[in-house]
Amino acid sequence: MEAYCFKCRTKREIKNPQQVSLKNGRPATQGVCPVCSTKVFRIGKG
């Protein structure tokens, strides 16, 4: 699964993806960018 990295300014594959839930119950995926180790986040089912 890919997410947009704001530091690299491009889409990157999510490293160490974790399924999380937002306050309103929507599913999301959280992980880190493999290039710069910035936290990346993607809303929606993965």
Protein backbone atom coordinates (compact mmCIF):
# COMPACT_ATOMS: atom_id res chain seq x y z
CA MET A 1 0.00 0.00 0.00
CA GLU A 2 1.21 3.49 -0.82
CA ALA A 3 0.80 6.80 0.98
CA TYR A 4 1.93 10.33 0.16
CA CYS A 5 5.08 11.42 1.99
CA PHE A 6 5.03 15.18 2.57
CA LYS A 7 8.77 15.34 3.15
CA CYS A 8 9.72 13.49 -0.07
CA ARG A 9 6.74 14.99 -1.93
CA THR A 10 5.94 11.70 -3.63
CA LYS A 11 4.01 8.48 -3.05
CA ARG A 12 5.96 5.82 -1.17
CA GLU A 13 5.29 2.26 -0.07
CA ILE A 14 4.30 2.18 3.62
CA LYS A 15 6.91 0.52 5.85
CA ASN A 16 5.61 -1.19 9.03
CA PRO A 17 1.90 -0.59 8.21
CA GLN A 18 -0.54 -0.65 11.11
CA GLN A 19 -4.33 -0.63 10.89
CA VAL A 20 -5.77 2.18 13.03
CA SER A 21 -9.23 3.64 13.53
CA LEU A 22 -10.09 7.35 13.44
CA LYS A 23 -12.31 9.01 16.08
CA ASN A 24 -15.34 8.68 13.81
CA GLY A 25 -14.66 4.97 13.27
CA ARG A 26 -13.22 5.15 9.74
CA PRO A 27 -10.34 2.74 9.04
CA ALA A 28 -6.86 4.07 8.24
CA THR A 29 -3.31 2.84 7.79
CA GLN A 30 -0.30 4.36 9.51
CA GLY A 31 3.39 3.68 8.99
CA VAL A 32 6.71 5.26 8.04
CA CYS A 33 8.35 6.30 4.78
CA PRO A 34 11.14 3.85 3.85
CA VAL A 35 13.35 6.66 2.47
CA CYS A 36 13.19 9.46 5.07
CA SER A 37 11.50 7.69 8.05
CA THR A 38 8.73 10.32 8.27
CA LYS A 39 5.35 9.15 9.55
CA VAL A 40 2.88 8.58 6.70
CA PHE A 41 -0.87 8.12 6.95
CA ARG A 42 -3.59 6.90 4.59
CA ILE A 43 -7.32 7.00 5.23
CA GLY A 44 -9.32 4.04 3.96
CA LYS A 45 -9.19 0.29 4.08
CA GLY A 46 -5.90 -1.25 3.06
